[in-house]
PDB file of N, CA and C in Angstrom:
ATOM      1  N   UNK A   1     -63.898  16.123 -22.129  1.00  0.00           N
ATOM      2  CA  UNK A   1     -63.717  15.154 -23.178  1.00  0.00           C
ATOM      3  C   UNK A   1     -64.317  15.691 -24.464  1.00  0.00           C
ATOM      4  N   UNK A   2     -63.665  15.322 -25.510  1.00  0.00           N
ATOM      5  CA  UNK A   2     -64.155  15.778 -26.802  1.00  0.00           C
ATOM      6  C   UNK A   2     -65.158  14.778 -27.342  1.00  0.00           C
ATOM      7  N   UNK A   3     -65.815  15.208 -28.389  1.00  0.00           N
ATOM      8  CA  UNK A   3     -66.799  14.334 -29.029  1.00  0.00           C
ATOM      9  C   UNK A   3     -66.143  13.076 -29.599  1.00  0.00           C
ATOM     10  N   UNK A   4     -64.956  13.258 -30.160  1.00  0.00           N
ATOM     11  CA  UNK A   4     -64.273  12.103 -30.762  1.00  0.00           C
ATOM     12  C   UNK A   4     -63.856  11.090 -29.701  1.00  0.00           C
ATOM     13  N   UNK A   5     -63.377  11.541 -28.585  1.00  0.00           N
ATOM     14  CA  UNK A   5     -62.955  10.602 -27.538  1.00  0.00           C
ATOM     15  C   UNK A   5     -64.159   9.904 -26.923  1.00  0.00           C
ATOM     16  N   UNK A   6     -65.288  10.603 -26.804  1.00  0.00           N
ATOM     17  CA  UNK A   6     -66.506   9.988 -26.292  1.00  0.00           C
ATOM     18  C   UNK A   6     -66.990   8.908 -27.258  1.00  0.00           C
ATOM     19  N   UNK A   7     -66.976   9.254 -28.550  1.00  0.00           N
ATOM     20  CA  UNK A   7     -67.396   8.283 -29.567  1.00  0.00           C
ATOM     21  C   UNK A   7     -66.467   7.065 -29.568  1.00  0.00           C
ATOM     22  N   UNK A   8     -65.185   7.288 -29.362  1.00  0.00           N
ATOM     23  CA  UNK A   8     -64.227   6.189 -29.329  1.00  0.00           C
ATOM     24  C   UNK A   8     -64.502   5.279 -28.141  1.00  0.00           C
ATOM     25  N   UNK A   9     -64.796   5.871 -26.980  1.00  0.00           N
ATOM     26  CA  UNK A   9     -65.098   5.077 -25.795  1.00  0.00           C
ATOM     27  C   UNK A   9     -66.390   4.280 -25.982  1.00  0.00           C
ATOM     28  N   UNK A  10     -67.398   4.878 -26.586  1.00  0.00           N
ATOM     29  CA  UNK A  10     -68.655   4.177 -26.844  1.00  0.00           C
ATOM     30  C   UNK A  10     -68.417   3.036 -27.823  1.00  0.00           C
ATOM     31  N   UNK A  11     -67.635   3.312 -28.867  1.00  0.00           N
ATOM     32  CA  UNK A  11     -67.327   2.281 -29.851  1.00  0.00           C
ATOM     33  C   UNK A  11     -66.574   1.111 -29.222  1.00  0.00           C
ATOM     34  N   UNK A  12     -65.603   1.411 -28.371  1.00  0.00           N
ATOM     35  CA  UNK A  12     -64.824   0.368 -27.701  1.00  0.00           C
ATOM     36  C   UNK A  12     -65.717  -0.457 -26.777  1.00  0.00           C
ATOM     37  N   UNK A  13     -66.604   0.207 -26.050  1.00  0.00           N
ATOM     38  CA  UNK A  13     -67.518  -0.504 -25.154  1.00  0.00           C
ATOM     39  C   UNK A  13     -68.460  -1.403 -25.949  1.00  0.00           C
ATOM     40  N   UNK A  14     -68.969  -0.871 -27.066  1.00  0.00           N
ATOM     41  CA  UNK A  14     -69.876  -1.640 -27.922  1.00  0.00           C
ATOM     42  C   UNK A  14     -69.153  -2.850 -28.529  1.00  0.00           C
ATOM     43  N   UNK A  15     -67.931  -2.626 -28.993  1.00  0.00           N
ATOM     44  CA  UNK A  15     -67.141  -3.716 -29.574  1.00  0.00           C
ATOM     45  C   UNK A  15     -66.843  -4.780 -28.519  1.00  0.00           C
ATOM     46  N   UNK A  16     -66.553  -4.359 -27.307  1.00  0.00           N
ATOM     47  CA  UNK A  16     -66.302  -5.306 -26.226  1.00  0.00           C
ATOM     48  C   UNK A  16     -67.539  -6.130 -25.901  1.00  0.00           C
ATOM     49  N   UNK A  17     -68.712  -5.465 -25.914  1.00  0.00           N
ATOM     50  CA  UNK A  17     -69.952  -6.187 -25.633  1.00  0.00           C
ATOM     51  C   UNK A  17     -70.243  -7.223 -26.717  1.00  0.00           C
ATOM     52  N   UNK A  18     -70.048  -6.817 -27.963  1.00  0.00           N
ATOM     53  CA  UNK A  18     -70.289  -7.751 -29.075  1.00  0.00           C
ATOM     54  C   UNK A  18     -69.302  -8.909 -29.014  1.00  0.00           C
ATOM     55  N   UNK A  19     -68.049  -8.637 -28.726  1.00  0.00           N
ATOM     56  CA  UNK A  19     -67.034  -9.687 -28.621  1.00  0.00           C
ATOM     57  C   UNK A  19     -67.369 -10.642 -27.480  1.00  0.00           C
ATOM     58  N   UNK A  20     -67.794 -10.098 -26.364  1.00  0.00           N
ATOM     59  CA  UNK A  20     -68.179 -10.939 -25.231  1.00  0.00           C
ATOM     60  C   UNK A  20     -69.368 -11.831 -25.567  1.00  0.00           C
ATOM     61  N   UNK A  21     -70.363 -11.276 -26.244  1.00  0.00           N
ATOM     62  CA  UNK A  21     -71.540 -12.040 -26.648  1.00  0.00           C
ATOM     63  C   UNK A  21     -71.149 -13.140 -27.637  1.00  0.00           C
ATOM     64  N   UNK A  22     -70.271 -12.820 -28.567  1.00  0.00           N
ATOM     65  CA  UNK A  22     -69.813 -13.814 -29.544  1.00  0.00           C
ATOM     66  C   UNK A  22     -69.065 -14.948 -28.844  1.00  0.00           C
ATOM     67  N   UNK A  23     -68.231 -14.601 -27.872  1.00  0.00           N
ATOM     68  CA  UNK A  23     -67.502 -15.643 -27.120  1.00  0.00           C
ATOM     69  C   UNK A  23     -68.469 -16.523 -26.335  1.00  0.00           C
ATOM     70  N   UNK A  24     -69.500 -15.899 -25.756  1.00  0.00           N
ATOM     71  CA  UNK A  24     -70.499 -16.664 -25.011  1.00  0.00           C
ATOM     72  C   UNK A  24     -71.218 -17.654 -25.932  1.00  0.00           C
ATOM     73  N   UNK A  25     -71.656 -17.184 -27.088  1.00  0.00           N
ATOM     74  CA  UNK A  25     -72.340 -18.070 -28.041  1.00  0.00           C
ATOM     75  C   UNK A  25     -71.419 -19.177 -28.549  1.00  0.00           C
ATOM     76  N   UNK A  26     -70.156 -18.827 -28.809  1.00  0.00           N
ATOM     77  CA  UNK A  26     -69.193 -19.819 -29.286  1.00  0.00           C
ATOM     78  C   UNK A  26     -69.001 -20.917 -28.239  1.00  0.00           C
ATOM     79  N   UNK A  27     -68.802 -20.541 -26.973  1.00  0.00           N
ATOM     80  CA  UNK A  27     -68.613 -21.524 -25.904  1.00  0.00           C
ATOM     81  C   UNK A  27     -69.859 -22.377 -25.699  1.00  0.00           C
ATOM     82  N   UNK A  28     -71.025 -21.741 -25.797  1.00  0.00           N
ATOM     83  CA  UNK A  28     -72.274 -22.483 -25.653  1.00  0.00           C
ATOM     84  C   UNK A  28     -72.400 -23.520 -26.765  1.00  0.00           C
ATOM     85  N   UNK A  29     -72.072 -23.127 -27.987  1.00  0.00           N
ATOM     86  CA  UNK A  29     -72.138 -24.060 -29.126  1.00  0.00           C
ATOM     87  C   UNK A  29     -71.133 -25.200 -28.959  1.00  0.00           C
ATOM     88  N   UNK A  30     -69.940 -24.899 -28.476  1.00  0.00           N
ATOM     89  CA  UNK A  30     -68.930 -25.936 -28.261  1.00  0.00           C
ATOM     90  C   UNK A  30     -69.406 -26.960 -27.227  1.00  0.00           C
ATOM     91  N   UNK A  31     -70.084 -26.490 -26.183  1.00  0.00           N
ATOM     92  CA  UNK A  31     -70.616 -27.408 -25.175  1.00  0.00           C
ATOM     93  C   UNK A  31     -71.706 -28.293 -25.773  1.00  0.00           C
ATOM     94  N   UNK A  32     -72.558 -27.708 -26.628  1.00  0.00           N
ATOM     95  CA  UNK A  32     -73.605 -28.493 -27.280  1.00  0.00           C
ATOM     96  C   UNK A  32     -73.002 -29.570 -28.176  1.00  0.00           C
ATOM     97  N   UNK A  33     -71.966 -29.191 -28.910  1.00  0.00           N
ATOM     98  CA  UNK A  33     -71.302 -30.161 -29.793  1.00  0.00           C
ATOM     99  C   UNK A  33     -70.666 -31.278 -28.973  1.00  0.00           C
ATOM    100  N   UNK A  34     -70.000 -30.923 -27.873  1.00  0.00           N
ATOM    101  CA  UNK A  34     -69.369 -31.940 -27.022  1.00  0.00           C
ATOM    102  C   UNK A  34     -70.419 -32.880 -26.439  1.00  0.00           C
ATOM    103  N   UNK A  35     -71.563 -32.337 -26.019  1.00  0.00           N
ATOM    104  CA  UNK A  35     -72.647 -33.155 -25.478  1.00  0.00           C
ATOM    105  C   UNK A  35     -73.207 -34.085 -26.557  1.00  0.00           C
ATOM    106  N   UNK A  36     -73.372 -33.562 -27.768  1.00  0.00           N
ATOM    107  CA  UNK A  36     -73.887 -34.361 -28.879  1.00  0.00           C
ATOM    108  C   UNK A  36     -72.942 -35.518 -29.192  1.00  0.00           C
ATOM    109  N   UNK A  37     -71.642 -35.232 -29.210  1.00  0.00           N
ATOM    110  CA  UNK A  37     -70.647 -36.278 -29.483  1.00  0.00           C
ATOM    111  C   UNK A  37     -70.680 -37.341 -28.386  1.00  0.00           C
ATOM    112  N   UNK A  38     -70.788 -36.911 -27.139  1.00  0.00           N
ATOM    113  CA  UNK A  38     -70.842 -37.861 -26.023  1.00  0.00           C
ATOM    114  C   UNK A  38     -72.068 -38.757 -26.131  1.00  0.00           C
ATOM    115  N   UNK A  39     -73.225 -38.155 -26.420  1.00  0.00           N
ATOM    116  CA  UNK A  39     -74.448 -38.954 -26.568  1.00  0.00           C
ATOM    117  C   UNK A  39     -74.340 -39.917 -27.735  1.00  0.00           C
ATOM    118  N   UNK A  40     -73.727 -39.466 -28.803  1.00  0.00           N
ATOM    119  CA  UNK A  40     -73.557 -40.330 -29.976  1.00  0.00           C
ATOM    120  C   UNK A  40     -72.664 -41.516 -29.645  1.00  0.00           C
ATOM    121  N   UNK A  41     -71.595 -41.277 -28.905  1.00  0.00           N
ATOM    122  CA  UNK A  41     -70.704 -42.368 -28.508  1.00  0.00           C
ATOM    123  C   UNK A  41     -71.430 -43.363 -27.601  1.00  0.00           C
ATOM    124  N   UNK A  42     -72.277 -42.842 -26.693  1.00  0.00           N
ATOM    125  CA  UNK A  42     -73.040 -43.732 -25.812  1.00  0.00           C
ATOM    126  C   UNK A  42     -73.989 -44.607 -26.628  1.00  0.00           C
ATOM    127  N   UNK A  43     -74.689 -44.000 -27.587  1.00  0.00           N
ATOM    128  CA  UNK A  43     -75.598 -44.769 -28.442  1.00  0.00           C
ATOM    129  C   UNK A  43     -74.835 -45.822 -29.240  1.00  0.00           C
ATOM    130  N   UNK A  44     -73.662 -45.446 -29.730  1.00  0.00           N
ATOM    131  CA  UNK A  44     -72.840 -46.383 -30.485  1.00  0.00           C
ATOM    132  C   UNK A  44     -72.443 -47.571 -29.618  1.00  0.00           C
ATOM    133  N   UNK A  45     -72.030 -47.309 -28.390  1.00  0.00           N
ATOM    134  CA  UNK A  45     -71.631 -48.390 -27.487  1.00  0.00           C
ATOM    135  C   UNK A  45     -72.817 -49.289 -27.143  1.00  0.00           C
ATOM    136  N   UNK A  46     -74.012 -48.678 -26.964  1.00  0.00           N
ATOM    137  CA  UNK A  46     -75.205 -49.476 -26.688  1.00  0.00           C
ATOM    138  C   UNK A  46     -75.555 -50.371 -27.876  1.00  0.00           C
ATOM    139  N   UNK A  47     -75.414 -49.837 -29.092  1.00  0.00           N
ATOM    140  CA  UNK A  47     -75.713 -50.634 -30.281  1.00  0.00           C
ATOM    141  C   UNK A  47     -74.738 -51.782 -30.447  1.00  0.00           C
ATOM    142  N   UNK A  48     -73.491 -51.558 -30.067  1.00  0.00           N
ATOM    143  CA  UNK A  48     -72.500 -52.639 -30.148  1.00  0.00           C
ATOM    144  C   UNK A  48     -72.888 -53.760 -29.185  1.00  0.00           C
ATOM    145  N   UNK A  49     -73.369 -53.392 -27.987  1.00  0.00           N
ATOM    146  CA  UNK A  49     -73.764 -54.411 -27.013  1.00  0.00           C
ATOM    147  C   UNK A  49     -74.983 -55.188 -27.483  1.00  0.00           C
ATOM    148  N   UNK A  50     -75.875 -54.540 -28.245  1.00  0.00           N
ATOM    149  CA  UNK A  50     -77.093 -55.194 -28.704  1.00  0.00           C
ATOM    150  C   UNK A  50     -76.859 -56.124 -29.893  1.00  0.00           C
ATOM    151  N   UNK A  51     -75.753 -55.935 -30.599  1.00  0.00           N
ATOM    152  CA  UNK A  51     -75.490 -56.756 -31.787  1.00  0.00           C
ATOM    153  C   UNK A  51     -75.314 -58.214 -31.393  1.00  0.00           C
ATOM    154  N   UNK A  52     -75.834 -59.113 -32.217  1.00  0.00           N
ATOM    155  CA  UNK A  52     -75.623 -60.530 -31.917  1.00  0.00           C
ATOM    156  C   UNK A  52     -74.162 -60.893 -32.157  1.00  0.00           C
ATOM    157  N   UNK A  53     -73.670 -61.763 -31.321  1.00  0.00           N
ATOM    158  CA  UNK A  53     -72.283 -62.185 -31.478  1.00  0.00           C
ATOM    159  C   UNK A  53     -72.192 -63.222 -32.584  1.00  0.00           C
ATOM    160  N   UNK A  54     -71.107 -63.192 -33.279  1.00  0.00           N
ATOM    161  CA  UNK A  54     -70.906 -64.149 -34.352  1.00  0.00           C
ATOM    162  C   UNK A  54     -70.467 -65.480 -33.761  1.00  0.00           C
ATOM    163  N   UNK A  55     -71.111 -66.529 -34.200  1.00  0.00           N
ATOM    164  CA  UNK A  55     -70.757 -67.851 -33.720  1.00  0.00           C
ATOM    165  C   UNK A  55     -69.739 -68.462 -34.667  1.00  0.00           C
ATOM    166  N   UNK A  56     -68.991 -69.386 -34.153  1.00  0.00           N
ATOM    167  CA  UNK A  56     -67.999 -70.061 -34.963  1.00  0.00           C
ATOM    168  C   UNK A  56     -68.717 -70.875 -36.028  1.00  0.00           C
ATOM    169  N   UNK A  57     -68.264 -70.705 -37.256  1.00  0.00           N
ATOM    170  CA  UNK A  57     -68.879 -71.445 -38.354  1.00  0.00           C
ATOM    171  C   UNK A  57     -68.549 -72.927 -38.219  1.00  0.00           C
ATOM    172  N   UNK A  58     -69.571 -73.735 -38.396  1.00  0.00           N
ATOM    173  CA  UNK A  58     -69.357 -75.175 -38.328  1.00  0.00           C
ATOM    174  C   UNK A  58     -69.530 -75.758 -39.715  1.00  0.00           C
ATOM    175  N   UNK A  59     -68.822 -76.793 -39.972  1.00  0.00           N
ATOM    176  CA  UNK A  59     -68.927 -77.432 -41.278  1.00  0.00           C
ATOM    177  C   UNK A  59     -70.076 -78.427 -41.273  1.00  0.00           C
ATOM    178  N   UNK A  60     -70.432 -78.900 -42.444  1.00  0.00           N
ATOM    179  CA  UNK A  60     -71.530 -79.864 -42.586  1.00  0.00           C
ATOM    180  C   UNK A  60     -71.240 -81.133 -41.785  1.00  0.00           C
ATOM    181  N   UNK A  61     -70.012 -81.574 -41.788  1.00  0.00           N
ATOM    182  CA  UNK A  61     -69.671 -82.823 -41.107  1.00  0.00           C
ATOM    183  C   UNK A  61     -69.789 -82.692 -39.593  1.00  0.00           C
ATOM    184  N   UNK A  62     -69.561 -81.475 -39.066  1.00  0.00           N
ATOM    185  CA  UNK A  62     -69.676 -81.285 -37.627  1.00  0.00           C
ATOM    186  C   UNK A  62     -71.129 -81.290 -37.187  1.00  0.00           C
ATOM    187  N   UNK A  63     -72.047 -80.883 -38.061  1.00  0.00           N
ATOM    188  CA  UNK A  63     -73.453 -80.780 -37.699  1.00  0.00           C
ATOM    189  C   UNK A  63     -74.158 -82.135 -37.721  1.00  0.00           C
ATOM    190  N   UNK A  64     -73.865 -82.953 -38.693  1.00  0.00           N
ATOM    191  CA  UNK A  64     -74.612 -84.197 -38.865  1.00  0.00           C
ATOM    192  C   UNK A  64     -73.672 -85.388 -38.902  1.00  0.00           C
ATOM    193  N   UNK A  65     -74.284 -86.536 -38.809  1.00  0.00           N
ATOM    194  CA  UNK A  65     -73.509 -87.761 -38.961  1.00  0.00           C
ATOM    195  C   UNK A  65     -73.193 -87.933 -40.435  1.00  0.00           C
ATOM    196  N   UNK A  66     -72.174 -88.705 -40.762  1.00  0.00           N
ATOM    197  CA  UNK A  66     -71.855 -88.929 -42.164  1.00  0.00           C
ATOM    198  C   UNK A  66     -73.028 -89.620 -42.867  1.00  0.00           C
ATOM    199  N   UNK A  67     -73.282 -89.192 -44.087  1.00  0.00           N
ATOM    200  CA  UNK A  67     -74.370 -89.784 -44.852  1.00  0.00           C
ATOM    201  C   UNK A  67     -73.892 -91.042 -45.560  1.00  0.00           C
ATOM    202  N   UNK A  68     -74.861 -91.908 -45.866  1.00  0.00           N
ATOM    203  CA  UNK A  68     -74.548 -93.176 -46.523  1.00  0.00           C
ATOM    204  C   UNK A  68     -74.434 -92.930 -48.014  1.00  0.00           C
ATOM    205  N   UNK A  69     -73.328 -93.320 -48.594  1.00  0.00           N
ATOM    206  CA  UNK A  69     -73.139 -93.174 -50.034  1.00  0.00           C
ATOM    207  C   UNK A  69     -73.537 -94.493 -50.689  1.00  0.00           C
ATOM    208  N   UNK A  70     -74.798 -94.550 -51.135  1.00  0.00           N
ATOM    209  CA  UNK A  70     -75.339 -95.760 -51.739  1.00  0.00           C
ATOM    210  C   UNK A  70     -76.505 -95.381 -52.640  1.00  0.00           C
ATOM    211  N   UNK A  71     -76.804 -96.271 -53.592  1.00  0.00           N
ATOM    212  CA  UNK A  71     -77.922 -96.029 -54.510  1.00  0.00           C
ATOM    213  C   UNK A  71     -79.195 -96.729 -54.040  1.00  0.00           C
ATOM    214  N   UNK A  72     -79.134 -97.461 -52.968  1.00  0.00           N
ATOM    215  CA  UNK A  72     -80.297 -98.209 -52.480  1.00  0.00           C
ATOM    216  C   UNK A  72     -81.336 -97.268 -51.856  1.00  0.00           C
ATOM    217  N   UNK A  73     -82.634 -97.604 -51.993  1.00  0.00           N
ATOM    218  CA  UNK A  73     -83.698 -96.763 -51.432  1.00  0.00           C
ATOM    219  C   UNK A  73     -83.621 -96.637 -49.904  1.00  0.00           C
ATOM    220  N   UNK A  74     -83.196 -97.693 -49.225  1.00  0.00           N
ATOM    221  CA  UNK A  74     -83.098 -97.640 -47.761  1.00  0.00           C
ATOM    222  C   UNK A  74     -82.049 -96.607 -47.332  1.00  0.00           C
ATOM    223  N   UNK A  75     -80.940 -96.554 -48.043  1.00  0.00           N
ATOM    224  CA  UNK A  75     -79.895 -95.582 -47.731  1.00  0.00           C
ATOM    225  C   UNK A  75     -80.399 -94.165 -48.001  1.00  0.00           C
ATOM    226  N   UNK A  76     -81.163 -94.009 -49.091  1.00  0.00           N
ATOM    227  CA  UNK A  76     -81.736 -92.710 -49.428  1.00  0.00           C
ATOM    228  C   UNK A  76     -82.648 -92.223 -48.296  1.00  0.00           C
ATOM    229  N   UNK A  77     -83.507 -93.114 -47.794  1.00  0.00           N
ATOM    230  CA  UNK A  77     -84.436 -92.760 -46.713  1.00  0.00           C
ATOM    231  C   UNK A  77     -83.681 -92.390 -45.436  1.00  0.00           C
ATOM    232  N   UNK A  78     -82.626 -93.145 -45.139  1.00  0.00           N
ATOM    233  CA  UNK A  78     -81.839 -92.852 -43.933  1.00  0.00           C
ATOM    234  C   UNK A  78     -81.149 -91.495 -44.053  1.00  0.00           C
ATOM    235  N   UNK A  79     -80.658 -91.177 -45.262  1.00  0.00           N
ATOM    236  CA  UNK A  79     -79.999 -89.887 -45.476  1.00  0.00           C
ATOM    237  C   UNK A  79     -80.987 -88.730 -45.282  1.00  0.00           C
ATOM    238  N   UNK A  80     -82.206 -88.894 -45.815  1.00  0.00           N
ATOM    239  CA  UNK A  80     -83.221 -87.856 -45.646  1.00  0.00           C
ATOM    240  C   UNK A  80     -83.554 -87.700 -44.165  1.00  0.00           C
ATOM    241  N   UNK A  81     -83.748 -88.809 -43.478  1.00  0.00           N
ATOM    242  CA  UNK A  81     -84.082 -88.758 -42.050  1.00  0.00           C
ATOM    243  C   UNK A  81     -82.968 -88.098 -41.243  1.00  0.00           C
ATOM    244  N   UNK A  82     -81.718 -88.400 -41.577  1.00  0.00           N
ATOM    245  CA  UNK A  82     -80.579 -87.827 -40.865  1.00  0.00           C
ATOM    246  C   UNK A  82     -80.548 -86.309 -41.023  1.00  0.00           C
ATOM    247  N   UNK A  83     -80.782 -85.838 -42.258  1.00  0.00           N
ATOM    248  CA  UNK A  83     -80.743 -84.399 -42.512  1.00  0.00           C
ATOM    249  C   UNK A  83     -81.917 -83.675 -41.849  1.00  0.00           C
ATOM    250  N   UNK A  84     -83.100 -84.290 -41.873  1.00  0.00           N
ATOM    251  CA  UNK A  84     -84.259 -83.673 -41.228  1.00  0.00           C
ATOM    252  C   UNK A  84     -84.036 -83.595 -39.725  1.00  0.00           C
ATOM    253  N   UNK A  85     -83.464 -84.646 -39.164  1.00  0.00           N
ATOM    254  CA  UNK A  85     -83.172 -84.665 -37.727  1.00  0.00           C
ATOM    255  C   UNK A  85     -82.145 -83.577 -37.370  1.00  0.00           C
ATOM    256  N   UNK A  86     -81.258 -83.258 -38.319  1.00  0.00           N
ATOM    257  CA  UNK A  86     -80.253 -82.224 -38.091  1.00  0.00           C
ATOM    258  C   UNK A  86     -80.853 -80.821 -38.178  1.00  0.00           C
ATOM    259  N   UNK A  87     -82.141 -80.738 -38.572  1.00  0.00           N
ATOM    260  CA  UNK A  87     -82.801 -79.440 -38.581  1.00  0.00           C
ATOM    261  C   UNK A  87     -82.960 -78.811 -39.944  1.00  0.00           C
ATOM    262  N   UNK A  88     -82.692 -79.555 -40.988  1.00  0.00           N
ATOM    263  CA  UNK A  88     -82.824 -79.015 -42.338  1.00  0.00           C
ATOM    264  C   UNK A  88     -84.276 -79.140 -42.804  1.00  0.00           C
ATOM    265  N   UNK A  89     -84.730 -78.246 -43.697  1.00  0.00           N
ATOM    266  CA  UNK A  89     -86.057 -78.411 -44.286  1.00  0.00           C
ATOM    267  C   UNK A  89     -86.104 -79.690 -45.117  1.00  0.00           C
ATOM    268  N   UNK A  90     -87.307 -80.243 -45.279  1.00  0.00           N
ATOM    269  CA  UNK A  90     -87.447 -81.532 -45.964  1.00  0.00           C
ATOM    270  C   UNK A  90     -86.942 -81.447 -47.400  1.00  0.00           C
ATOM    271  N   UNK A  91     -87.286 -80.369 -48.097  1.00  0.00           N
ATOM    272  CA  UNK A  91     -86.840 -80.235 -49.491  1.00  0.00           C
ATOM    273  C   UNK A  91     -85.321 -80.240 -49.595  1.00  0.00           C
ATOM    274  N   UNK A  92     -84.677 -79.534 -48.688  1.00  0.00           N
ATOM    275  CA  UNK A  92     -83.214 -79.494 -48.695  1.00  0.00           C
ATOM    276  C   UNK A  92     -82.637 -80.859 -48.341  1.00  0.00           C
ATOM    277  N   UNK A  93     -83.252 -81.554 -47.396  1.00  0.00           N
ATOM    278  CA  UNK A  93     -82.775 -82.886 -47.012  1.00  0.00           C
ATOM    279  C   UNK A  93     -82.873 -83.850 -48.189  1.00  0.00           C
ATOM    280  N   UNK A  94     -83.979 -83.778 -48.936  1.00  0.00           N
ATOM    281  CA  UNK A  94     -84.142 -84.656 -50.109  1.00  0.00           C
ATOM    282  C   UNK A  94     -83.089 -84.317 -51.159  1.00  0.00           C
ATOM    283  N   UNK A  95     -82.835 -83.026 -51.374  1.00  0.00           N
ATOM    284  CA  UNK A  95     -81.827 -82.628 -52.361  1.00  0.00           C
ATOM    285  C   UNK A  95     -80.445 -83.158 -51.980  1.00  0.00           C
ATOM    286  N   UNK A  96     -80.116 -83.099 -50.693  1.00  0.00           N
ATOM    287  CA  UNK A  96     -78.815 -83.605 -50.231  1.00  0.00           C
ATOM    288  C   UNK A  96     -78.747 -85.121 -50.424  1.00  0.00           C
ATOM    289  N   UNK A  97     -79.840 -85.803 -50.120  1.00  0.00           N
ATOM    290  CA  UNK A  97     -79.858 -87.263 -50.289  1.00  0.00           C
ATOM    291  C   UNK A  97     -79.686 -87.639 -51.755  1.00  0.00           C
ATOM    292  N   UNK A  98     -80.357 -86.916 -52.655  1.00  0.00           N
ATOM    293  CA  UNK A  98     -80.174 -87.174 -54.087  1.00  0.00           C
ATOM    294  C   UNK A  98     -78.733 -86.912 -54.510  1.00  0.00           C
ATOM    295  N   UNK A  99     -78.111 -85.895 -53.944  1.00  0.00           N
ATOM    296  CA  UNK A  99     -76.713 -85.594 -54.259  1.00  0.00           C
ATOM    297  C   UNK A  99     -75.805 -86.744 -53.838  1.00  0.00           C
ATOM    298  N   UNK A 100     -76.039 -87.279 -52.653  1.00  0.00           N
ATOM    299  CA  UNK A 100     -75.246 -88.421 -52.180  1.00  0.00           C
ATOM    300  C   UNK A 100     -75.469 -89.641 -53.081  1.00  0.00           C
ATOM    301  N   UNK A 101     -76.704 -89.832 -53.525  1.00  0.00           N
ATOM    302  CA  UNK A 101     -77.031 -90.959 -54.385  1.00  0.00           C
ATOM    303  C   UNK A 101     -76.307 -90.817 -55.736  1.00  0.00           C
ATOM    304  N   UNK A 102     -76.290 -89.589 -56.292  1.00  0.00           N
ATOM    305  CA  UNK A 102     -75.584 -89.362 -57.560  1.00  0.00           C
ATOM    306  C   UNK A 102     -74.098 -89.624 -57.428  1.00  0.00           C
ATOM    307  N   UNK A 103     -73.496 -89.185 -56.314  1.00  0.00           N
ATOM    308  CA  UNK A 103     -72.069 -89.439 -56.088  1.00  0.00           C
ATOM    309  C   UNK A 103     -71.787 -90.938 -56.030  1.00  0.00           C
ATOM    310  N   UNK A 104     -72.694 -91.669 -55.383  1.00  0.00           N
ATOM    311  CA  UNK A 104     -72.512 -93.126 -55.278  1.00  0.00           C
ATOM    312  C   UNK A 104     -72.626 -93.773 -56.656  1.00  0.00           C
ATOM    313  N   UNK A 105     -73.545 -93.271 -57.483  1.00  0.00           N
ATOM    314  CA  UNK A 105     -73.692 -93.837 -58.835  1.00  0.00           C
ATOM    315  C   UNK A 105     -72.441 -93.587 -59.662  1.00  0.00           C
ATOM    316  N   UNK A 106     -71.835 -92.416 -59.527  1.00  0.00           N
ATOM    317  CA  UNK A 106     -70.620 -92.100 -60.262  1.00  0.00           C
ATOM    318  C   UNK A 106     -69.477 -93.016 -59.868  1.00  0.00           C
ATOM    319  N   UNK A 107     -69.395 -93.334 -58.573  1.00  0.00           N
ATOM    320  CA  UNK A 107     -68.298 -94.171 -58.093  1.00  0.00           C
ATOM    321  C   UNK A 107     -68.604 -95.649 -58.204  1.00  0.00           C
ATOM    322  N   UNK A 108     -69.859 -95.982 -58.505  1.00  0.00           N
ATOM    323  CA  UNK A 108     -70.248 -97.389 -58.678  1.00  0.00           C
ATOM    324  C   UNK A 108     -70.468 -98.163 -57.390  1.00  0.00           C
ATOM    325  N   UNK A 109     -70.824 -97.457 -56.310  1.00  0.00           N
ATOM    326  CA  UNK A 109     -71.065 -98.137 -55.029  1.00  0.00           C
ATOM    327  C   UNK A 109     -72.520 -98.603 -54.967  1.00  0.00           C
ATOM    328  N   UNK A 110     -72.720 -99.827 -54.435  1.00  0.00           N
ATOM    329  CA  UNK A 110     -74.067-100.364 -54.327  1.00  0.00           C
ATOM    330  C   UNK A 110     -74.399-100.823 -52.910  1.00  0.00           C
ATOM    331  N   UNK A 111     -73.605-100.515 -51.964  1.00  0.00           N
ATOM    332  CA  UNK A 111     -73.780-100.960 -50.573  1.00  0.00           C
ATOM    333  C   UNK A 111     -75.191-101.157 -50.168  1.00  0.00           C
TER     334      UNK A 111
END
């Protein structure tokens, strides 16, 4: 064998080794990426299960009894009590009762 043919064989062997190593690293990286994607999907599915479910929105009328539309103090007190019993904070219940009282004044109801 000549020097050139020996060098060619060494070069081919070296190139084959480098190509094989590159393929090994490429396949290893692809497996890591696939594993990462799988773990990410699992975490995503777990987070979806942990999320609170949305409840059907209810209107004000479904939550409480109808309020009394009157300007009298007794009606005002009953409206506040009704809203507090429905679970509203006292300040909000008073504001709602005042709103009902204003509506009654506009319409001229005195029940």
